[in-house]
């Protein structure tokens, strides 16, 4: 179901990670996370889940929770098939993404 969502693609100089960010359009932490990715040159894709239909958002959050065994808060970023980040704590993002 997550793969059927319409993501916005951002191309950067670092495309060695497969990063997907689930964000809210009004969230300051989400904006900081996307800025962090842009500033560090990462390629990634994102979607503002508050701008998709409620039923779709509910299904997406349930699928993320099931796959990663984690509560979903925003931003929620997946890195590759197994890693994920919840919220924006810059030190955690640097560590996980190797910055």
Protein backbone atom coordinates (compact mmCIF):
# COMPACT_ATOMS: atom_id res chain seq x y z
CA UNK A 1 0.00 0.00 0.00
CA UNK A 2 2.85 2.41 0.80
CA UNK A 3 4.29 1.99 -2.69
CA UNK A 4 1.01 3.15 -4.25
CA UNK A 5 1.27 6.58 -2.60
CA UNK A 6 2.32 9.59 -4.68
CA UNK A 7 5.67 10.74 -3.35
CA UNK A 8 7.62 13.85 -4.27
CA UNK A 9 11.15 13.00 -5.39
CA UNK A 10 14.12 15.15 -4.41
CA UNK A 11 17.44 14.52 -6.13
CA UNK A 12 20.72 15.21 -4.40
CA UNK A 13 24.37 14.33 -4.78
CA UNK A 14 24.13 11.50 -2.21
CA UNK A 15 21.90 8.71 -3.44
CA UNK A 16 23.50 5.81 -1.56
CA UNK A 17 20.56 5.58 0.88
CA UNK A 18 16.96 4.77 0.02
CA UNK A 19 15.21 7.42 2.15
CA UNK A 20 11.47 7.97 2.38
CA UNK A 21 10.05 10.63 4.69
CA UNK A 22 6.47 10.67 5.93
CA UNK A 23 5.81 14.23 7.10
CA UNK A 24 3.13 16.75 7.94
CA UNK A 25 2.96 19.94 5.89
CA UNK A 26 2.55 22.08 9.03
CA UNK A 27 5.20 20.39 11.20
CA UNK A 28 8.31 22.35 12.13
CA UNK A 29 10.28 19.20 12.92
CA UNK A 30 9.32 17.78 9.52
CA UNK A 31 10.54 20.93 7.79
CA UNK A 32 13.83 20.71 9.71
CA UNK A 33 14.23 17.07 8.69
CA UNK A 34 13.71 17.85 4.99
CA UNK A 35 16.08 20.83 5.29
CA UNK A 36 18.68 18.54 6.90
CA UNK A 37 18.41 16.10 3.97
CA UNK A 38 18.66 18.93 1.43
CA UNK A 39 21.61 20.59 3.18
CA UNK A 40 23.50 17.30 3.29
CA UNK A 41 22.79 16.53 -0.37
CA UNK A 42 20.64 13.42 0.05
CA UNK A 43 18.29 12.11 -2.59
CA UNK A 44 14.98 11.14 -0.98
CA UNK A 45 11.26 11.03 -1.47
CA UNK A 46 8.58 12.38 0.81
CA UNK A 47 4.86 12.69 1.26
CA UNK A 48 2.79 15.00 3.41
CA UNK A 49 0.39 12.54 5.02
CA UNK A 50 -1.92 15.28 6.28
CA UNK A 51 -2.71 16.11 2.64
CA UNK A 52 -3.89 12.63 1.65
CA UNK A 53 -7.35 11.18 2.41
CA UNK A 54 -7.88 10.14 6.04
CA UNK A 55 -8.50 6.48 5.16
CA UNK A 56 -5.26 6.33 3.16
CA UNK A 57 -3.34 8.03 5.98
CA UNK A 58 -4.72 5.57 8.53
CA UNK A 59 -3.71 2.59 6.37
CA UNK A 60 -0.23 4.02 5.74
CA UNK A 61 0.40 4.61 9.46
CA UNK A 62 -0.82 1.09 10.29
CA UNK A 63 1.47 -0.44 7.66
CA UNK A 64 4.49 1.52 8.95
CA UNK A 65 3.72 0.52 12.54
CA UNK A 66 3.39 -3.14 11.57
CA UNK A 67 6.55 -3.24 9.42
CA UNK A 68 8.86 -1.33 11.78
CA UNK A 69 7.23 -2.30 15.11
CA UNK A 70 7.32 1.35 16.15
CA UNK A 71 4.85 4.06 16.97
CA UNK A 72 4.46 6.47 14.09
CA UNK A 73 5.17 10.12 14.82
CA UNK A 74 6.26 12.75 12.34
CA UNK A 75 8.57 12.98 10.67
CA UNK A 76 8.88 9.22 10.19
CA UNK A 77 11.73 8.30 7.85
CA UNK A 78 12.60 4.92 6.45
CA UNK A 79 16.20 4.25 5.45
CA UNK A 80 16.62 1.21 3.26
CA UNK A 81 14.52 -1.81 4.17
CA UNK A 82 15.17 -2.00 7.92
CA UNK A 83 16.25 1.32 9.46
CA UNK A 84 13.89 4.09 10.47
CA UNK A 85 13.89 7.39 12.29
CA UNK A 86 11.02 8.81 14.35
CA UNK A 87 10.91 12.55 14.94
CA UNK A 88 13.81 14.83 14.13
CA UNK A 89 16.74 14.59 16.50
CA UNK A 90 19.66 15.78 14.41
CA UNK A 91 22.23 13.58 16.18
CA UNK A 92 20.17 10.47 15.42
CA UNK A 93 19.77 11.44 11.78
CA UNK A 94 23.51 12.13 11.45
CA UNK A 95 24.35 8.77 13.01
CA UNK A 96 21.87 6.74 10.94
CA UNK A 97 22.69 8.49 7.66
CA UNK A 98 26.46 8.65 8.23
CA UNK A 99 26.87 12.43 8.23
